Amino acid sequence: MYYDDVETGLIEMLQGDIPLVPKPYEELARRLNTSEAKLVERISDMQEKGRIRRLGAVLRHRQAGYAFNAMVVFKAGPENEDQAGVVLAGYKEVTHCYLRQVPGDFGYNLFAMVHLRDEAELKPLLADMAANTGLVDYLAIKSVREFKKTSLKYIHRREMGEVFR
């Protein structure tokens, strides 16, 4: 599946910072030299065709008061790894949840990144997760310092140009 120039331009804009104005799509449309209606129609079309999955805000968790985070790793067997992953992914505190291939001597293959207001919230959350998944062998790897945090850019272009004609 390849994206045309219009879709590429839209994806590049939408994965960046959306203007904090009363009508953000109107502002984006102005930048692309088109109407707000055409812009919204194209975005809807891309969603309907599965070319983009969703649009959403990215919360800057530290600025929102979530100062503690940890990667929680679980040992899950083939008989329960998918179900446990779905349960863990359903927690509002979990931002990322992956089943990973790991070295046999490590064994912890189900990873869930949790964000909490403070460390005191971790122990009760882990107890709840263990009870709801049946996974009792886990470790909480607490973050000590952040060296880099950026959002992945899926499409890069040297220059935008006019994408709507």
Protein backbone atom coordinates (compact mmCIF):
# COMPACT_ATOMS: atom_id res chain seq x y z
CA MET A 1 0.00 0.00 0.00
CA TYR A 2 1.50 3.28 -1.07
CA TYR A 3 0.31 6.72 -0.08
CA ASP A 4 -0.25 9.43 -2.66
CA ASP A 5 1.15 12.95 -2.19
CA VAL A 6 -2.02 14.22 -0.51
CA GLU A 7 -2.11 11.35 1.98
CA THR A 8 1.60 11.68 2.69
CA GLY A 9 1.21 15.40 3.36
CA LEU A 10 -1.77 14.82 5.64
CA ILE A 11 -0.02 12.09 7.60
CA GLU A 12 3.03 14.28 8.05
CA MET A 13 0.89 17.12 9.40
CA LEU A 14 -1.34 14.95 11.58
CA GLN A 15 1.54 13.15 13.28
CA GLY A 16 2.99 16.49 14.35
CA ASP A 17 1.57 19.07 16.69
CA ILE A 18 -1.99 20.04 15.80
CA PRO A 19 -2.53 23.79 16.22
CA LEU A 20 -4.07 24.78 19.55
CA VAL A 21 -6.74 26.96 18.02
CA PRO A 22 -10.55 26.77 18.06
CA LYS A 23 -10.63 25.26 14.52
CA PRO A 24 -7.41 23.23 14.07
CA TYR A 25 -8.53 21.57 10.81
CA GLU A 26 -9.28 24.98 9.34
CA GLU A 27 -5.71 26.04 10.13
CA LEU A 28 -4.26 22.83 8.64
CA ALA A 29 -6.39 23.27 5.52
CA ARG A 30 -5.09 26.82 5.14
CA ARG A 31 -1.51 25.50 5.27
CA LEU A 32 -2.36 22.97 2.56
CA ASN A 33 -4.16 25.52 0.40
CA THR A 34 -7.51 23.72 0.56
CA SER A 35 -10.82 23.95 2.39
CA GLU A 36 -11.54 22.56 5.83
CA ALA A 37 -14.34 20.43 4.31
CA LYS A 38 -11.97 18.83 1.76
CA LEU A 39 -9.39 18.18 4.45
CA VAL A 40 -11.89 16.51 6.79
CA GLU A 41 -13.35 14.50 3.89
CA ARG A 42 -9.90 13.21 2.93
CA ILE A 43 -9.04 12.27 6.51
CA SER A 44 -12.37 10.41 6.87
CA ASP A 45 -11.76 8.62 3.58
CA MET A 46 -8.30 7.53 4.72
CA GLN A 47 -9.77 6.16 7.97
CA GLU A 48 -12.56 4.30 6.17
CA LYS A 49 -10.03 2.70 3.80
CA GLY A 50 -7.75 1.70 6.68
CA ARG A 51 -4.94 3.97 5.51
CA ILE A 52 -4.83 5.60 8.94
CA ARG A 53 -6.13 3.84 12.00
CA ARG A 54 -6.96 6.67 14.36
CA LEU A 55 -6.22 10.19 15.45
CA GLY A 56 -5.51 10.91 19.07
CA ALA A 57 -3.79 13.18 21.51
CA VAL A 58 -0.48 12.27 23.09
CA LEU A 59 -0.48 13.11 26.78
CA ARG A 60 2.78 14.43 28.19
CA HIS A 61 2.44 12.26 31.28
CA ARG A 62 4.92 14.05 33.52
CA GLN A 63 3.27 17.44 32.91
CA ALA A 64 -0.10 15.82 33.65
CA GLY A 65 1.09 14.63 37.07
CA TYR A 66 2.17 11.07 36.21
CA ALA A 67 5.70 11.30 37.57
CA PHE A 68 6.41 7.57 38.07
CA ASN A 69 6.68 4.87 35.46
CA ALA A 70 7.89 1.32 35.21
CA MET A 71 8.16 -1.46 32.67
CA VAL A 72 6.39 -4.45 34.18
CA VAL A 73 7.48 -7.77 32.70
CA PHE A 74 5.51 -11.00 33.12
CA LYS A 75 6.23 -14.64 32.41
CA ALA A 76 3.34 -15.85 30.28
CA GLY A 77 2.96 -19.23 28.63
CA PRO A 78 1.54 -19.88 25.17
CA GLU A 79 -1.74 -20.96 26.76
CA ASN A 80 -2.44 -17.55 28.32
CA GLU A 81 -0.14 -14.93 26.75
CA ASP A 82 -2.72 -13.50 24.32
CA GLN A 83 -5.54 -13.30 26.86
CA ALA A 84 -3.24 -11.83 29.51
CA GLY A 85 -1.95 -9.27 27.00
CA VAL A 86 -5.48 -8.14 26.20
CA VAL A 87 -6.28 -7.79 29.92
CA LEU A 88 -3.09 -5.80 30.62
CA ALA A 89 -3.65 -3.57 27.59
CA GLY A 90 -7.07 -2.69 29.02
CA TYR A 91 -5.60 -0.95 32.06
CA LYS A 92 -5.73 2.83 31.82
CA GLU A 93 -2.26 2.99 33.40
CA VAL A 94 -0.74 0.91 30.57
CA THR A 95 0.48 2.83 27.53
CA HIS A 96 2.35 0.05 25.76
CA CYS A 97 1.82 -3.69 25.98
CA TYR A 98 3.86 -6.17 23.94
CA LEU A 99 4.49 -9.87 23.71
CA ARG A 100 8.21 -10.17 22.95
CA GLN A 101 10.63 -12.86 21.95
CA VAL A 102 13.18 -13.01 24.77
CA PRO A 103 16.22 -15.11 25.66
CA GLY A 104 15.27 -18.34 27.41
CA ASP A 105 17.21 -17.47 30.55
CA PHE A 106 15.20 -14.23 30.94
CA GLY A 107 11.77 -15.72 30.33
CA TYR A 108 9.72 -12.56 30.93
CA ASN A 109 7.96 -12.20 27.59
CA LEU A 110 4.95 -9.96 28.22
CA PHE A 111 5.82 -6.28 28.70
CA ALA A 112 3.52 -3.52 29.98
CA MET A 113 4.64 0.10 30.44
CA VAL A 114 2.76 1.71 33.31
CA HIS A 115 2.49 5.39 34.20
CA LEU A 116 1.40 6.38 37.71
CA ARG A 117 1.20 9.52 39.82
CA ASP A 118 3.66 8.09 42.33
CA GLU A 119 5.41 4.86 43.28
CA ALA A 120 2.89 4.08 46.04
CA GLU A 121 0.33 3.22 43.32
CA LEU A 122 2.53 0.46 41.87
CA LYS A 123 2.09 -2.33 44.42
CA PRO A 124 -1.75 -2.36 44.38
CA LEU A 125 -1.74 -2.13 40.58
CA LEU A 126 0.60 -5.12 40.28
CA ALA A 127 -1.56 -7.15 42.67
CA ASP A 128 -4.63 -6.33 40.59
CA MET A 129 -2.87 -7.20 37.32
CA ALA A 130 -1.69 -10.54 38.73
CA ALA A 131 -5.17 -11.37 39.99
CA ASN A 132 -6.82 -10.47 36.68
CA THR A 133 -4.32 -12.27 34.44
CA GLY A 134 -3.28 -15.19 36.61
CA LEU A 135 0.34 -14.21 35.96
CA VAL A 136 2.15 -14.22 39.28
CA ASP A 137 5.76 -14.24 38.06
CA TYR A 138 6.59 -10.64 37.21
CA LEU A 139 9.15 -7.90 37.77
CA ALA A 140 8.70 -4.14 37.90
CA ILE A 141 11.63 -2.34 36.31
CA LYS A 142 11.39 1.25 37.51
CA SER A 143 12.55 4.15 35.38
CA VAL A 144 15.39 6.12 36.92
CA ARG A 145 16.09 8.75 34.24
CA GLU A 146 14.74 9.59 30.79
CA PHE A 147 17.34 10.05 28.08
CA LYS A 148 15.09 10.32 25.05
CA LYS A 149 11.38 10.40 24.39
CA THR A 150 10.04 11.23 20.98
CA SER A 151 7.10 10.14 18.89
CA LEU A 152 7.89 8.04 15.86
CA LYS A 153 7.53 9.87 12.56
CA TYR A 154 6.09 7.48 9.99
CA ILE A 155 6.53 9.69 6.95
CA HIS A 156 9.35 12.14 6.34
CA ARG A 157 9.46 14.56 3.43
CA ARG A 158 12.00 17.18 2.50
CA GLU A 159 9.38 19.76 1.64
CA MET A 160 5.63 19.86 1.62
CA GLY A 161 4.73 21.82 -1.46
CA GLU A 162 1.09 21.99 -2.44
CA VAL A 163 -0.51 18.62 -1.83
CA PHE A 164 -4.07 19.63 -2.73
CA ARG A 165 -4.62 20.63 -6.35
